[in-house]
Amino acid sequence: MQQHIDSRLAQLGSTHDARTGAVSTPIYQATAFRHPALGQSTGFDYARTKSPTRTVLETECAHIEGGDGCSAFSSGMAAVHAVLSLLRPNEHIIVSMDLYGGTYRLLEHVMRPLGIRASYVDTNDIDAIRQQYVAGMTRMVLIETPSNPLMMITDIARVGAWARAHDVLCVVDNTLMTPYLQRPLALGADIVIHSATKYLAGHNDVLAGLVIARGEALCARIAFIQNAVGAVLAPLDSWLLLRGMKTLALRMQRHEHNATRVAEWLSTHPLVKTVLYPGLPSHPQYALQAQQAHGNTGIFSFRVRDAALVAPLLAHISLIAFAESLGGVESLMTYPAVQTHADIPADVRARIGVDDTLLRLSCGIEHSDDLIADLAYALDAAARSV
């Protein structure tokens, strides 16, 4: 029977323990497993290769995202690295020009010395993608949509169709939307990446990454890289991620509600120059976002009118924490230029718009009135100090 994603999420891992009937997947904190006899296996031999708790997580996440397989990693960046490891020396990747600073660092300081070159473009501009394409060398296009932190939207179906026509892998970082709101594989992507640390786990207490793909051969290749490198998700963290995802539907509804209310309020504040949130009709790609997603994320960015306002604003928020990361039940504010995107050169940041007036807000599940009150107090205090 076909079920709504809300029901499937709530039931994650609840039907996999046939031996005991446990509705919560057990934590198999084992690294080695007995062989029934010479040449025989229970399916589990060594925890790096395969672990019972992680296997349940991977099976469930592949199903939720609509893929043929999933590999769980010890962090989001380990997941990104595994996908980039599909490339060989002298091959080329096209990447969203606005992207997480850690991905940029990995591409420029780890992959480029290995002979893998990246070009950064507005991936919603198909002509820009065409211009960067090099026949026989371009093997992958990596999309963040919405992008981090500028909330740029890419037409996944359009880029996916272009990629298929050119035998290029289309990879989508779906961290900010989650499969509850956006299904890139159904829109034509080949691979989906998650920093599961964020919305999927949802409580700022788990470090995890996921890669879900279409096609048995591609899934097998990613699983091979996972096992060979060994950056796998531990049993306890696998269990915590399963537990967190059970409430994903409820949390995303509240995240979106809070982000919309706070973004609308900030849009009217005299100290705020602009708000970048695809859930607002003022966003230039509002219609595209509504077309390819079932709602909006709980994170957005905004620019204050003067960079001098940033430090006192951050000093006076109290309910909202000045901290990196996003997607947890607690609201967090980040200053991308000196935190998440510090490894991107200043001239590159300036060119794409990650300037010294930009702040990123991850709205948690607190009451939206309290978040607005916290921001109102901090902005007033910042105005007085300046």
Protein backbone atom coordinates (compact mmCIF):
# COMPACT_ATOMS: atom_id res chain seq x y z
CA MET A 1 0.00 0.00 0.00
CA GLN A 2 1.32 3.41 -0.99
CA GLN A 3 1.86 5.62 2.06
CA HIS A 4 2.39 9.32 2.53
CA ILE A 5 5.98 10.28 3.31
CA ASP A 6 4.89 11.44 6.79
CA SER A 7 3.83 7.88 7.67
CA ARG A 8 6.92 6.33 6.14
CA LEU A 9 9.17 8.64 8.14
CA ALA A 10 7.35 7.95 11.40
CA GLN A 11 7.80 4.20 10.86
CA LEU A 12 11.50 4.27 9.93
CA GLY A 13 13.22 1.17 11.20
CA SER A 14 10.17 -0.14 13.07
CA THR A 15 9.67 -3.33 11.03
CA HIS A 16 13.21 -4.64 10.56
CA ASP A 17 13.81 -6.70 13.70
CA ALA A 18 11.86 -9.88 12.98
CA ARG A 19 13.61 -11.82 15.75
CA THR A 20 12.28 -9.67 18.62
CA GLY A 21 9.66 -7.43 17.00
CA ALA A 22 11.33 -4.33 18.45
CA VAL A 23 9.70 -1.19 17.03
CA SER A 24 12.98 0.68 17.48
CA THR A 25 15.90 -0.70 15.50
CA PRO A 26 18.47 -2.18 17.92
CA ILE A 27 21.93 -0.68 18.16
CA TYR A 28 24.29 -3.46 17.10
CA GLN A 29 27.46 -2.12 18.69
CA ALA A 30 29.57 -4.89 17.17
CA THR A 31 32.53 -4.70 14.81
CA ALA A 32 32.90 -8.45 14.18
CA PHE A 33 30.34 -11.16 13.44
CA ARG A 34 30.64 -14.95 13.76
CA HIS A 35 30.66 -17.03 10.59
CA PRO A 36 28.28 -20.03 10.72
CA ALA A 37 30.93 -22.15 8.97
CA LEU A 38 33.84 -21.89 6.59
CA GLY A 39 32.71 -20.01 3.49
CA GLN A 40 29.43 -18.98 5.10
CA SER A 41 28.29 -15.58 6.35
CA THR A 42 25.26 -14.07 8.05
CA GLY A 43 25.62 -11.17 5.63
CA PHE A 44 27.68 -9.28 8.20
CA ASP A 45 31.42 -9.85 8.55
CA TYR A 46 33.05 -6.58 9.62
CA ALA A 47 31.31 -3.33 10.63
CA ARG A 48 33.22 -1.08 8.23
CA THR A 49 31.82 -3.04 5.31
CA LYS A 50 28.33 -3.63 6.67
CA SER A 51 26.64 -3.12 10.04
CA PRO A 52 23.06 -4.17 10.95
CA THR A 53 21.96 -0.80 12.35
CA ARG A 54 23.57 1.12 9.49
CA THR A 55 22.04 -1.25 6.96
CA VAL A 56 18.54 -0.45 8.25
CA LEU A 57 19.29 3.26 7.99
CA GLU A 58 20.66 2.94 4.46
CA THR A 59 17.74 0.81 3.30
CA GLU A 60 15.20 3.25 4.71
CA CYS A 61 16.92 6.36 3.35
CA ALA A 62 17.20 4.89 -0.15
CA HIS A 63 13.47 4.20 -0.05
CA ILE A 64 12.53 7.65 1.29
CA GLU A 65 14.66 9.47 -1.30
CA GLY A 66 13.52 7.18 -4.13
CA GLY A 67 16.95 5.70 -4.90
CA ASP A 68 18.30 2.22 -5.53
CA GLY A 69 20.88 2.36 -2.77
CA CYS A 70 22.28 4.50 0.02
CA SER A 71 25.66 4.73 1.73
CA ALA A 72 25.94 6.39 5.15
CA PHE A 73 29.11 8.28 6.04
CA SER A 74 30.65 9.75 9.17
CA SER A 75 30.01 13.33 8.01
CA GLY A 76 28.47 15.32 5.20
CA MET A 77 31.91 16.17 3.83
CA ALA A 78 32.85 12.47 3.81
CA ALA A 79 29.75 11.91 1.69
CA VAL A 80 30.74 14.71 -0.71
CA HIS A 81 34.27 13.33 -0.92
CA ALA A 82 32.94 9.88 -1.82
CA VAL A 83 30.92 11.33 -4.69
CA LEU A 84 33.87 13.38 -5.96
CA SER A 85 35.96 10.20 -5.79
CA LEU A 86 33.93 8.93 -8.74
CA LEU A 87 35.99 11.37 -10.83
CA ARG A 88 39.41 10.53 -12.23
CA PRO A 89 42.47 12.72 -12.82
CA ASN A 90 42.06 15.22 -15.66
CA GLU A 91 38.27 15.10 -15.41
CA HIS A 92 36.13 18.15 -14.87
CA ILE A 93 33.14 19.08 -12.72
CA ILE A 94 30.68 21.98 -13.04
CA VAL A 95 29.51 23.32 -9.66
CA SER A 96 26.98 25.85 -8.36
CA MET A 97 28.91 29.09 -7.91
CA ASP A 98 27.26 29.69 -4.52
CA LEU A 99 28.00 26.68 -2.37
CA TYR A 100 29.04 25.61 1.10
CA GLY A 101 32.60 26.70 1.89
CA GLY A 102 33.62 23.20 2.94
CA THR A 103 32.74 21.85 -0.50
CA TYR A 104 34.78 24.61 -2.12
CA ARG A 105 37.73 23.79 0.18
CA LEU A 106 37.52 20.10 -0.74
CA LEU A 107 37.35 20.85 -4.47
CA GLU A 108 40.19 23.37 -4.51
CA HIS A 109 42.61 22.01 -1.92
CA VAL A 110 42.08 18.24 -2.12
CA MET A 111 40.63 17.37 -5.53
CA ARG A 112 42.40 19.96 -7.70
CA PRO A 113 45.90 18.75 -6.70
CA LEU A 114 44.73 15.29 -7.81
CA GLY A 115 43.99 16.65 -11.27
CA ILE A 116 40.24 17.26 -10.95
CA ARG A 117 39.22 20.73 -12.06
CA ALA A 118 36.04 22.56 -11.02
CA SER A 119 34.21 25.41 -12.78
CA TYR A 120 31.73 27.50 -10.79
CA VAL A 121 28.65 28.86 -12.54
CA ASP A 122 25.05 29.84 -11.96
CA THR A 123 23.70 26.34 -12.53
CA ASN A 124 20.24 27.68 -13.33
CA ASP A 125 21.78 29.31 -16.41
CA ILE A 126 21.91 26.40 -18.85
CA ASP A 127 23.94 28.47 -21.30
CA ALA A 128 26.60 29.01 -18.62
CA ILE A 129 26.74 25.25 -18.09
CA ARG A 130 27.06 24.67 -21.83
CA GLN A 131 29.94 27.14 -22.04
CA GLN A 132 31.88 25.33 -19.31
CA TYR A 133 31.25 21.85 -20.70
CA VAL A 134 34.34 20.14 -22.09
CA ALA A 135 33.58 17.07 -24.21
CA GLY A 136 35.29 13.97 -22.90
CA MET A 137 36.36 15.68 -19.67
CA THR A 138 33.27 17.06 -17.94
CA ARG A 139 31.82 14.12 -16.01
CA MET A 140 29.71 15.68 -13.28
CA VAL A 141 27.57 18.67 -12.38
CA LEU A 142 27.05 19.37 -8.67
CA ILE A 143 24.06 21.48 -7.66
CA GLU A 144 23.10 23.09 -4.38
CA THR A 145 19.46 24.14 -4.52
CA PRO A 146 18.67 26.21 -2.58
CA SER A 147 22.30 27.25 -2.49
CA ASN A 148 24.10 28.08 0.72
CA PRO A 149 23.95 30.89 1.76
CA LEU A 150 22.42 32.94 -1.07
CA MET A 151 19.34 30.73 -1.57
CA MET A 152 19.75 30.52 -5.35
CA ILE A 153 17.46 27.95 -7.00
CA THR A 154 18.45 25.60 -9.83
CA ASP A 155 15.96 23.90 -12.15
CA ILE A 156 16.86 20.30 -11.33
CA ALA A 157 14.84 18.75 -14.15
CA ARG A 158 16.40 21.01 -16.76
CA VAL A 159 19.98 20.42 -15.60
CA GLY A 160 19.29 16.70 -15.20
CA ALA A 161 18.04 16.47 -18.78
CA TRP A 162 21.13 18.33 -20.05
CA ALA A 163 23.38 16.02 -18.01
CA ARG A 164 21.76 12.85 -19.40
CA ALA A 165 22.14 14.13 -22.94
CA HIS A 166 25.88 14.65 -22.36
CA ASP A 167 26.58 11.51 -20.30
CA VAL A 168 27.30 13.65 -17.23
CA LEU A 169 26.33 12.69 -13.67
CA CYS A 170 23.86 15.12 -12.10
CA VAL A 171 24.44 15.41 -8.34
CA VAL A 172 22.17 17.42 -6.03
CA ASP A 173 22.99 18.41 -2.47
CA ASN A 174 19.52 18.11 -0.93
CA THR A 175 20.57 19.01 2.62
CA LEU A 176 18.52 22.19 2.92
CA MET A 177 15.30 20.71 1.58
CA THR A 178 15.31 17.03 2.66
CA PRO A 179 13.26 14.39 0.82
CA TYR A 180 10.19 15.62 2.69
CA LEU A 181 10.18 18.79 0.56
CA GLN A 182 12.22 17.95 -2.56
CA ARG A 183 12.95 14.73 -4.47
CA PRO A 184 15.86 15.36 -6.87
CA LEU A 185 16.06 11.76 -8.13
CA ALA A 186 12.44 11.95 -9.29
CA LEU A 187 13.33 15.17 -11.14
CA GLY A 188 16.21 13.59 -13.06
CA ALA A 189 19.25 13.70 -10.77
CA ASP A 190 21.53 10.67 -10.54
CA ILE A 191 22.89 11.19 -7.02
CA VAL A 192 21.63 12.98 -3.92
CA ILE A 193 23.92 14.07 -1.09
CA HIS A 194 22.86 14.99 2.45
CA SER A 195 24.73 16.45 5.33
CA ALA A 196 22.47 14.40 7.57
CA THR A 197 23.91 16.32 10.50
CA LYS A 198 21.42 19.02 9.62
CA TYR A 199 17.66 18.57 9.10
CA LEU A 200 17.60 14.78 8.87
CA ALA A 201 19.11 14.23 12.33
CA GLY A 202 17.63 17.52 13.42
CA HIS A 203 18.96 17.93 16.97
CA ASN A 204 22.53 19.27 16.60
CA ASP A 205 23.92 16.08 18.15
CA VAL A 206 24.86 13.77 15.25
CA LEU A 207 27.55 14.09 12.58
CA ALA A 208 26.50 12.14 9.48
CA GLY A 209 26.35 12.12 5.69
CA LEU A 210 24.30 10.21 3.12
CA VAL A 211 24.69 9.44 -0.57
CA ILE A 212 21.66 8.02 -2.41
CA ALA A 213 21.85 7.09 -6.07
CA ARG A 214 19.93 5.62 -9.00
CA GLY A 215 21.18 2.49 -10.75
CA GLU A 216 22.72 -0.60 -9.21
CA ALA A 217 26.14 -0.08 -10.78
CA LEU A 218 26.46 3.48 -9.50
CA CYS A 219 25.24 2.48 -6.02
CA ALA A 220 27.74 -0.38 -5.95
CA ARG A 221 30.60 1.96 -6.91
CA ILE A 222 29.73 4.39 -4.11
CA ALA A 223 29.44 1.51 -1.63
CA PHE A 224 32.88 0.29 -2.75
CA ILE A 225 34.36 3.74 -2.07
CA GLN A 226 32.60 3.83 1.30
CA ASN A 227 34.15 0.51 2.32
CA ALA A 228 37.57 1.24 0.84
CA VAL A 229 37.97 4.63 2.53
CA GLY A 230 36.18 3.61 5.70
CA ALA A 231 34.49 6.89 6.69
CA VAL A 232 31.35 5.00 7.71
CA LEU A 233 28.60 5.95 10.12
CA ALA A 234 28.83 4.23 13.51
CA PRO A 235 25.93 2.11 14.87
CA LEU A 236 24.90 4.57 17.59
CA ASP A 237 24.96 7.50 15.17
CA SER A 238 22.96 5.43 12.66
CA TRP A 239 20.35 4.80 15.34
CA LEU A 240 20.26 8.47 16.37
CA LEU A 241 19.76 9.47 12.74
CA LEU A 242 16.89 7.00 12.35
CA ARG A 243 15.31 8.38 15.52
CA GLY A 244 15.70 11.96 14.37
CA MET A 245 14.17 11.28 10.96
CA LYS A 246 11.00 9.90 12.52
CA THR A 247 9.94 13.49 13.34
CA LEU A 248 11.27 15.06 10.12
CA ALA A 249 7.81 15.83 8.72
CA LEU A 250 6.68 17.66 11.85
CA ARG A 251 9.95 19.52 12.22
CA MET A 252 10.11 20.68 8.60
CA GLN A 253 6.58 22.02 8.84
CA ARG A 254 7.55 24.08 11.88
CA HIS A 255 10.90 25.14 10.39
CA GLU A 256 9.14 26.41 7.28
CA HIS A 257 6.43 28.19 9.28
CA ASN A 258 9.00 29.96 11.44
CA ALA A 259 11.30 30.87 8.56
CA THR A 260 8.42 32.34 6.56
CA ARG A 261 7.15 34.43 9.47
CA VAL A 262 10.60 35.69 10.47
CA ALA A 263 11.62 36.38 6.85
CA GLU A 264 8.43 38.37 6.28
CA TRP A 265 9.07 40.39 9.45
CA LEU A 266 12.72 41.08 8.58
CA SER A 267 11.67 42.21 5.11
CA THR A 268 9.93 45.19 6.69
CA HIS A 269 12.67 46.14 9.16
CA PRO A 270 14.46 49.43 8.38
CA LEU A 271 17.89 48.01 9.24
CA VAL A 272 17.53 45.09 6.84
CA LYS A 273 18.48 45.69 3.22
CA THR A 274 17.26 42.44 1.69
CA VAL A 275 16.00 38.99 2.65
CA LEU A 276 16.96 35.95 0.56
CA TYR A 277 14.31 33.28 1.03
CA PRO A 278 12.64 31.28 -1.77
CA GLY A 279 9.45 31.12 0.29
CA LEU A 280 8.86 34.85 -0.27
CA PRO A 281 7.16 36.03 -3.48
CA SER A 282 9.93 38.64 -3.75
CA HIS A 283 12.50 35.92 -4.42
CA PRO A 284 13.41 35.94 -8.15
CA GLN A 285 12.97 32.15 -8.41
CA TYR A 286 9.89 31.83 -6.21
CA ALA A 287 7.86 30.22 -9.02
CA LEU A 288 10.58 27.70 -9.87
CA GLN A 289 10.91 26.70 -6.23
CA ALA A 290 7.15 26.17 -5.97
CA GLN A 291 7.26 24.08 -9.14
CA GLN A 292 9.95 21.60 -8.09
CA ALA A 293 9.47 21.44 -4.31
CA HIS A 294 6.63 20.81 -1.88
CA GLY A 295 7.49 23.69 0.42
CA ASN A 296 10.47 25.64 1.69
CA THR A 297 13.35 25.10 4.01
CA GLY A 298 13.82 26.66 7.44
CA ILE A 299 16.97 28.58 6.58
CA PHE A 300 17.46 31.90 4.84
CA SER A 301 19.94 34.77 4.64
CA PHE A 302 19.54 38.51 4.98
CA ARG A 303 21.71 41.59 4.58
CA VAL A 304 21.81 44.39 7.10
CA ARG A 305 22.30 47.93 5.83
CA ASP A 306 25.69 48.44 7.46
CA ALA A 307 28.40 45.88 8.26
CA ALA A 308 28.93 47.71 11.56
CA LEU A 309 25.57 46.31 12.70
CA VAL A 310 26.73 42.68 12.50
CA ALA A 311 28.89 42.40 15.63
CA PRO A 312 26.45 44.09 18.04
CA LEU A 313 23.51 42.19 16.55
CA LEU A 314 25.29 38.89 17.14
CA ALA A 315 26.22 40.02 20.65
CA HIS A 316 22.60 40.75 21.61
CA ILE A 317 20.70 37.71 20.30
CA SER A 318 19.94 35.34 23.16
CA LEU A 319 17.26 32.83 22.15
CA ILE A 320 18.98 32.46 18.78
CA ALA A 321 22.52 31.10 19.17
CA PHE A 322 25.47 32.56 17.30
CA ALA A 323 26.81 29.25 15.99
CA GLU A 324 27.69 27.39 12.83
CA SER A 325 25.55 24.62 11.32
CA LEU A 326 21.82 24.58 10.62
CA GLY A 327 18.73 22.40 10.62
CA GLY A 328 18.45 21.65 14.32
CA VAL A 329 15.51 22.29 16.62
CA GLU A 330 17.45 25.24 18.07
CA SER A 331 17.71 28.43 16.01
CA LEU A 332 21.25 29.34 14.93
CA MET A 333 22.67 32.45 13.28
CA THR A 334 25.85 32.32 11.24
CA TYR A 335 28.10 34.98 9.71
CA PRO A 336 29.16 33.21 6.48
CA ALA A 337 32.03 35.52 5.53
CA VAL A 338 34.03 34.56 8.63
CA GLN A 339 32.54 31.14 9.44
CA THR A 340 31.09 28.69 6.91
CA HIS A 341 32.61 30.41 3.86
CA ALA A 342 35.90 31.66 5.29
CA ASP A 343 37.91 29.29 3.07
CA ILE A 344 36.49 30.88 -0.08
CA PRO A 345 38.82 33.71 -1.20
CA ALA A 346 37.51 37.21 -0.46
CA ASP A 347 37.38 38.19 -4.13
CA VAL A 348 35.32 35.09 -4.96
CA ARG A 349 32.95 35.77 -2.04
CA ALA A 350 32.54 39.35 -3.19
CA ARG A 351 31.81 38.29 -6.75
CA ILE A 352 29.00 35.93 -5.77
CA GLY A 353 27.58 38.17 -3.04
CA VAL A 354 28.74 36.64 0.26
CA ASP A 355 29.69 40.02 1.68
CA ASP A 356 30.29 41.42 5.17
CA THR A 357 26.63 42.42 5.62
CA LEU A 358 25.24 38.92 5.03
CA LEU A 359 23.86 36.84 7.91
CA ARG A 360 22.33 33.36 7.73
CA LEU A 361 19.51 32.30 10.04
CA SER A 362 18.46 28.71 10.63
CA CYS A 363 15.04 28.91 12.26
CA GLY A 364 14.44 26.15 14.79
CA ILE A 365 11.12 25.00 16.20
CA GLU A 366 10.73 27.65 18.90
CA HIS A 367 7.67 29.92 18.81
CA SER A 368 8.02 32.35 15.93
CA ASP A 369 6.91 35.29 18.10
CA ASP A 370 9.88 34.65 20.40
CA LEU A 371 12.31 34.51 17.48
CA ILE A 372 10.98 37.82 16.16
CA ALA A 373 11.20 39.40 19.61
CA ASP A 374 14.82 38.23 19.96
CA LEU A 375 15.73 39.72 16.59
CA ALA A 376 13.86 42.95 17.31
CA TYR A 377 15.78 43.44 20.56
CA ALA A 378 19.13 42.62 18.95
CA LEU A 379 18.56 44.91 15.97
CA ASP A 380 17.50 47.78 18.24
CA ALA A 381 20.57 47.25 20.40
CA ALA A 382 22.77 47.13 17.32
CA ALA A 383 21.28 50.40 16.03
CA ARG A 384 21.97 52.11 19.37
CA SER A 385 25.56 50.92 19.45
CA VAL A 386 26.24 52.11 15.92
